[in-house]
Amino acid sequence: MMAATTTLPASTAPWKPDLKIAVLLGVVSALAVAALVPYLVQLMPDTFAKLPVPIPVLVVAQSLQALVLMGLMSLAGLRMGRRVGLGAPLLQRWINREPLVIAPRPLQAILLGVAAALAVVALSAVIDPFLPPMLHPPAKSGAGESALNGFLASFYGGIAEELQLRLFLMTLMVWLVAVLRKAMPSPRVYWIAIAIAALLFGVGHLAAAHHVWGLDAVVVVRTVLLNSIAGLAFGWLYWKRGLEMAILAHFSADIVLHVLAPLIAKGA
């Protein structure tokens, strides 16, 4: 998706088209945050039992916060992305009637997402026997309820996390290099940004892992490694196929991990 020229293009595109997309992404992020709550309640029942406010109030507050923050991050990512060949080409085509500059290849995104999830499952089978006992086990639930909660949570992973880690953070890193060098970055810069965003994606899951197991070396390595593997795939797709394909891959991976895996585990 990177432009062919090595000269950094000027960002002369008007703000209004990007603002439309940012508002849309902010709205769907707010809905995704609300959809995540049943999964979190199942994962951390003791935490939610001690909340000082009713859960519906928390959901509304967190969703409104996501609407604003994700909208602003999306707008910044879209603006910066125009300078370095990153962005949301399908949304830009659909909402703003801009020419489609890349082939989206949704099947490729789905297959990469599933492959990343299967790699996570395989590595988990190797690492999990070395995990410490759970300090706070998830709430017991039926296979159907777990799968439904996982399905709803998959929208948060696919949408909100990709907006934060890829559209905003990864784009920011590439854009900074481009501005400092006054030229289009080399592929190595994109790969470094992909790797850093993937690593931070893994680090971002340590809080949930800490709640369940506490933190020791195995928990840290497992959490960061498994999520980073998936993050590398999502980052490459964002670079080469656009935000929408990264979202699709992330959603597909989460469906395997949080929907199919609970159904298979409960049925085994």
Protein backbone atom coordinates (compact mmCIF):
# COMPACT_ATOMS: atom_id res chain seq x y z
CA MET A 1 0.00 0.00 0.00
CA MET A 2 3.04 2.24 0.26
CA ALA A 3 3.33 4.89 -2.41
CA ALA A 4 5.85 4.26 -5.17
CA THR A 5 7.55 7.65 -4.86
CA THR A 6 10.25 8.24 -2.27
CA THR A 7 9.26 11.89 -1.83
CA LEU A 8 6.91 12.56 1.06
CA PRO A 9 3.59 13.72 -0.44
CA ALA A 10 1.87 16.77 0.96
CA SER A 11 -1.37 16.08 2.83
CA THR A 12 -3.68 18.38 0.88
CA ALA A 13 -6.85 16.30 1.25
CA PRO A 14 -9.74 18.14 2.94
CA TRP A 15 -10.58 17.25 6.54
CA LYS A 16 -14.31 16.64 6.07
CA PRO A 17 -14.04 13.22 4.35
CA ASP A 18 -11.73 11.91 7.08
CA LEU A 19 -13.97 13.39 9.76
CA LYS A 20 -16.93 11.41 8.41
CA ILE A 21 -15.00 8.16 8.67
CA ALA A 22 -13.66 9.06 12.11
CA VAL A 23 -17.17 9.70 13.43
CA LEU A 24 -18.32 6.35 12.06
CA LEU A 25 -15.36 4.55 13.62
CA GLY A 26 -15.98 6.32 16.92
CA VAL A 27 -19.61 5.19 16.94
CA VAL A 28 -18.85 1.55 16.15
CA SER A 29 -16.06 1.60 18.76
CA ALA A 30 -18.55 2.79 21.37
CA LEU A 31 -20.86 -0.09 20.46
CA ALA A 32 -17.93 -2.51 20.58
CA VAL A 33 -17.03 -1.33 24.10
CA ALA A 34 -20.59 -2.00 25.23
CA ALA A 35 -20.50 -5.44 23.60
CA LEU A 36 -17.30 -6.29 25.48
CA VAL A 37 -18.86 -5.98 28.94
CA PRO A 38 -20.53 -9.44 29.19
CA TYR A 39 -17.17 -11.07 28.41
CA LEU A 40 -15.42 -8.96 31.06
CA VAL A 41 -18.09 -9.80 33.63
CA GLN A 42 -17.48 -13.49 32.94
CA LEU A 43 -13.69 -13.05 33.05
CA MET A 44 -13.59 -10.88 36.19
CA PRO A 45 -16.80 -11.51 38.17
CA ASP A 46 -15.25 -10.47 41.49
CA THR A 47 -14.17 -7.11 40.10
CA PHE A 48 -17.60 -6.29 38.72
CA ALA A 49 -19.28 -7.43 41.94
CA LYS A 50 -17.38 -4.67 43.78
CA LEU A 51 -18.16 -1.84 41.37
CA PRO A 52 -19.37 1.34 43.11
CA VAL A 53 -21.74 2.11 40.22
CA PRO A 54 -24.32 -0.03 38.38
CA ILE A 55 -22.96 -1.85 35.34
CA PRO A 56 -25.30 -0.03 32.89
CA VAL A 57 -23.94 3.32 34.10
CA LEU A 58 -20.39 2.08 33.59
CA VAL A 59 -21.24 0.83 30.11
CA VAL A 60 -22.68 4.20 29.08
CA ALA A 61 -19.71 6.10 30.50
CA GLN A 62 -17.12 3.83 28.87
CA SER A 63 -18.95 3.87 25.54
CA LEU A 64 -19.12 7.67 25.48
CA GLN A 65 -15.44 7.83 26.33
CA ALA A 66 -14.66 5.43 23.49
CA LEU A 67 -16.79 7.47 21.10
CA VAL A 68 -14.66 10.55 21.72
CA LEU A 69 -11.22 8.98 22.11
CA MET A 70 -11.53 6.48 19.26
CA GLY A 71 -13.01 9.14 17.02
CA LEU A 72 -10.09 11.47 17.67
CA MET A 73 -7.51 8.70 17.28
CA SER A 74 -9.15 7.61 14.03
CA LEU A 75 -9.13 11.14 12.67
CA ALA A 76 -5.46 11.56 13.54
CA GLY A 77 -4.60 8.18 12.04
CA LEU A 78 -6.45 8.90 8.82
CA ARG A 79 -4.80 12.28 8.41
CA MET A 80 -1.30 10.96 9.09
CA GLY A 81 -1.93 7.88 6.97
CA ARG A 82 -2.49 9.95 3.84
CA ARG A 83 1.15 11.02 4.04
CA VAL A 84 2.55 7.49 4.28
CA GLY A 85 0.16 5.30 2.29
CA LEU A 86 -1.82 3.90 5.24
CA GLY A 87 -5.52 4.16 5.97
CA ALA A 88 -8.98 2.72 5.45
CA PRO A 89 -9.32 2.36 1.67
CA LEU A 90 -12.71 0.64 1.64
CA LEU A 91 -14.30 3.22 3.92
CA GLN A 92 -12.68 6.01 1.93
CA ARG A 93 -14.13 4.46 -1.22
CA TRP A 94 -17.58 3.87 0.29
CA ILE A 95 -18.07 7.14 2.16
CA ASN A 96 -15.97 9.58 0.16
CA ARG A 97 -16.03 7.94 -3.29
CA GLU A 98 -12.23 7.92 -3.40
CA PRO A 99 -10.57 5.55 -5.88
CA LEU A 100 -9.70 2.13 -4.50
CA VAL A 101 -5.91 1.90 -4.71
CA ILE A 102 -5.45 -1.66 -3.42
CA ALA A 103 -7.21 -5.01 -3.70
CA PRO A 104 -8.77 -5.76 -0.29
CA ARG A 105 -8.57 -9.60 -0.47
CA PRO A 106 -10.92 -10.48 2.41
CA LEU A 107 -10.28 -14.22 2.08
CA GLN A 108 -6.57 -13.62 2.65
CA ALA A 109 -7.40 -11.60 5.77
CA ILE A 110 -9.70 -14.30 7.15
CA LEU A 111 -7.16 -17.05 6.50
CA LEU A 112 -4.35 -15.05 8.12
CA GLY A 113 -6.54 -14.37 11.12
CA VAL A 114 -7.46 -18.03 11.49
CA ALA A 115 -3.83 -19.08 11.02
CA ALA A 116 -2.72 -16.63 13.72
CA ALA A 117 -5.38 -18.00 16.07
CA LEU A 118 -4.33 -21.59 15.42
CA ALA A 119 -0.71 -20.64 16.12
CA VAL A 120 -1.85 -19.12 19.42
CA VAL A 121 -3.79 -22.28 20.30
CA ALA A 122 -0.81 -24.49 19.47
CA LEU A 123 1.64 -22.42 21.50
CA SER A 124 -0.84 -22.21 24.37
CA ALA A 125 -0.94 -25.99 24.52
CA VAL A 126 2.84 -25.99 24.99
CA ILE A 127 3.07 -23.12 27.48
CA ASP A 128 -0.11 -23.49 29.57
CA PRO A 129 1.06 -26.51 31.62
CA PHE A 130 3.73 -24.22 33.11
CA LEU A 131 1.27 -21.51 34.18
CA PRO A 132 0.71 -20.92 37.90
CA PRO A 133 -2.69 -21.75 39.44
CA MET A 134 -5.40 -19.21 38.69
CA LEU A 135 -5.88 -16.58 41.37
CA HIS A 136 -9.23 -15.43 40.01
CA PRO A 137 -10.80 -18.03 37.70
CA PRO A 138 -13.44 -16.83 35.22
CA ALA A 139 -17.06 -17.36 36.20
CA LYS A 140 -18.45 -20.77 35.33
CA SER A 141 -20.84 -20.66 32.40
CA GLY A 142 -22.27 -22.89 29.74
CA ALA A 143 -20.60 -23.35 26.39
CA GLY A 144 -23.28 -21.33 24.63
CA GLU A 145 -23.01 -18.39 27.01
CA SER A 146 -19.21 -18.38 26.81
CA ALA A 147 -19.35 -18.49 23.02
CA LEU A 148 -21.90 -15.66 22.87
CA ASN A 149 -19.83 -13.49 25.20
CA GLY A 150 -16.75 -14.28 23.14
CA PHE A 151 -18.57 -13.38 19.93
CA LEU A 152 -19.60 -10.01 21.32
CA ALA A 153 -16.09 -9.37 22.64
CA SER A 154 -14.65 -10.11 19.19
CA PHE A 155 -16.08 -6.85 17.91
CA TYR A 156 -14.02 -4.93 20.46
CA GLY A 157 -10.84 -6.74 19.49
CA GLY A 158 -11.44 -6.39 15.78
CA ILE A 159 -12.50 -2.76 15.81
CA ALA A 160 -11.27 -0.87 18.88
CA GLU A 161 -7.89 -2.56 19.24
CA GLU A 162 -7.12 -2.17 15.54
CA LEU A 163 -7.99 1.52 15.67
CA GLN A 164 -5.65 2.03 18.62
CA LEU A 165 -2.74 -0.19 17.64
CA ARG A 166 -2.74 -0.01 13.86
CA LEU A 167 -4.64 3.03 12.56
CA PHE A 168 -3.30 5.35 15.26
CA LEU A 169 -0.12 3.99 16.85
CA MET A 170 1.49 2.21 13.88
CA THR A 171 0.60 5.09 11.56
CA LEU A 172 2.01 7.59 14.05
CA MET A 173 5.37 5.82 14.17
CA VAL A 174 5.70 5.62 10.39
CA TRP A 175 4.51 9.21 9.98
CA LEU A 176 7.05 10.53 12.48
CA VAL A 177 9.88 8.88 10.57
CA ALA A 178 8.52 10.26 7.31
CA VAL A 179 8.29 13.79 8.67
CA LEU A 180 11.75 13.70 10.22
CA ARG A 181 13.35 12.34 7.05
CA LYS A 182 11.11 14.32 4.68
CA ALA A 183 10.70 11.23 2.50
CA MET A 184 8.59 8.11 2.25
CA PRO A 185 9.86 5.52 4.74
CA SER A 186 11.49 2.32 3.58
CA PRO A 187 9.77 -1.05 4.12
CA ARG A 188 12.05 -1.59 7.13
CA VAL A 189 10.39 1.34 8.90
CA TYR A 190 6.95 -0.18 8.35
CA TRP A 191 8.17 -3.52 9.71
CA ILE A 192 9.64 -1.88 12.80
CA ALA A 193 6.35 -0.06 13.39
CA ILE A 194 4.46 -3.34 12.90
CA ALA A 195 6.71 -5.09 15.42
CA ILE A 196 6.48 -2.34 18.05
CA ALA A 197 2.69 -2.13 17.73
CA ALA A 198 2.46 -5.92 17.99
CA LEU A 199 4.65 -5.94 21.10
CA LEU A 200 2.54 -3.24 22.73
CA PHE A 201 -0.56 -5.20 21.74
CA GLY A 202 0.81 -8.06 23.82
CA VAL A 203 1.79 -5.82 26.72
CA GLY A 204 -1.72 -4.37 26.70
CA HIS A 205 -3.13 -7.78 27.63
CA LEU A 206 -0.97 -8.15 30.74
CA ALA A 207 -3.55 -6.50 33.01
CA ALA A 208 -6.14 -9.19 32.25
CA ALA A 209 -3.52 -11.92 32.59
CA HIS A 210 -2.39 -10.46 35.92
CA HIS A 211 -5.95 -10.59 37.22
CA VAL A 212 -6.35 -14.26 36.32
CA TRP A 213 -2.91 -15.67 37.21
CA GLY A 214 -0.83 -12.94 38.75
CA LEU A 215 2.38 -12.04 36.97
CA ASP A 216 5.38 -14.31 36.72
CA ALA A 217 7.81 -14.96 33.88
CA VAL A 218 5.65 -17.61 32.23
CA VAL A 219 2.52 -15.45 32.33
CA VAL A 220 4.37 -12.46 30.89
CA VAL A 221 6.06 -14.44 28.12
CA ARG A 222 2.85 -16.26 27.23
CA THR A 223 0.75 -13.10 27.11
CA VAL A 224 3.19 -10.95 25.17
CA LEU A 225 4.35 -13.70 22.79
CA LEU A 226 0.93 -15.02 21.79
CA ASN A 227 -0.61 -11.61 21.25
CA SER A 228 2.46 -10.31 19.43
CA ILE A 229 2.28 -13.16 16.91
CA ALA A 230 -1.27 -12.17 16.04
CA GLY A 231 -0.32 -8.49 16.03
CA LEU A 232 2.36 -9.07 13.39
CA ALA A 233 -0.23 -10.55 11.03
CA PHE A 234 -2.70 -7.73 11.67
CA GLY A 235 0.00 -5.10 11.18
CA TRP A 236 1.13 -6.55 7.87
CA LEU A 237 -2.46 -6.60 6.64
CA TYR A 238 -2.97 -2.99 7.69
CA TRP A 239 0.12 -1.99 5.73
CA LYS A 240 -0.62 -3.97 2.60
CA ARG A 241 -4.43 -4.26 2.56
CA GLY A 242 -5.76 -1.46 4.74
CA LEU A 243 -7.49 -1.09 8.09
CA GLU A 244 -10.58 -3.03 7.09
CA MET A 245 -8.63 -6.20 6.34
CA ALA A 246 -6.75 -5.91 9.64
CA ILE A 247 -10.11 -5.63 11.40
CA LEU A 248 -11.44 -8.65 9.52
CA ALA A 249 -8.37 -10.74 10.38
CA HIS A 250 -8.49 -9.74 14.05
CA PHE A 251 -12.20 -10.51 14.23
CA SER A 252 -11.66 -13.89 12.56
CA ALA A 253 -8.88 -14.76 15.00
CA ASP A 254 -11.05 -13.81 17.97
CA ILE A 255 -13.92 -15.93 16.66
CA VAL A 256 -11.61 -18.94 16.69
CA LEU A 257 -10.17 -18.13 20.13
CA HIS A 258 -13.26 -16.89 21.95
CA VAL A 259 -16.15 -18.64 20.19
CA LEU A 260 -15.03 -21.90 18.61
CA ALA A 261 -12.46 -22.75 21.29
CA PRO A 262 -14.97 -22.56 24.20
CA LEU A 263 -17.49 -24.64 22.26
CA ILE A 264 -14.88 -27.29 21.47
CA ALA A 265 -13.47 -27.27 25.01
CA LYS A 266 -16.89 -27.65 26.64
CA GLY A 267 -17.83 -30.37 24.19
CA ALA A 268 -14.63 -32.36 24.69
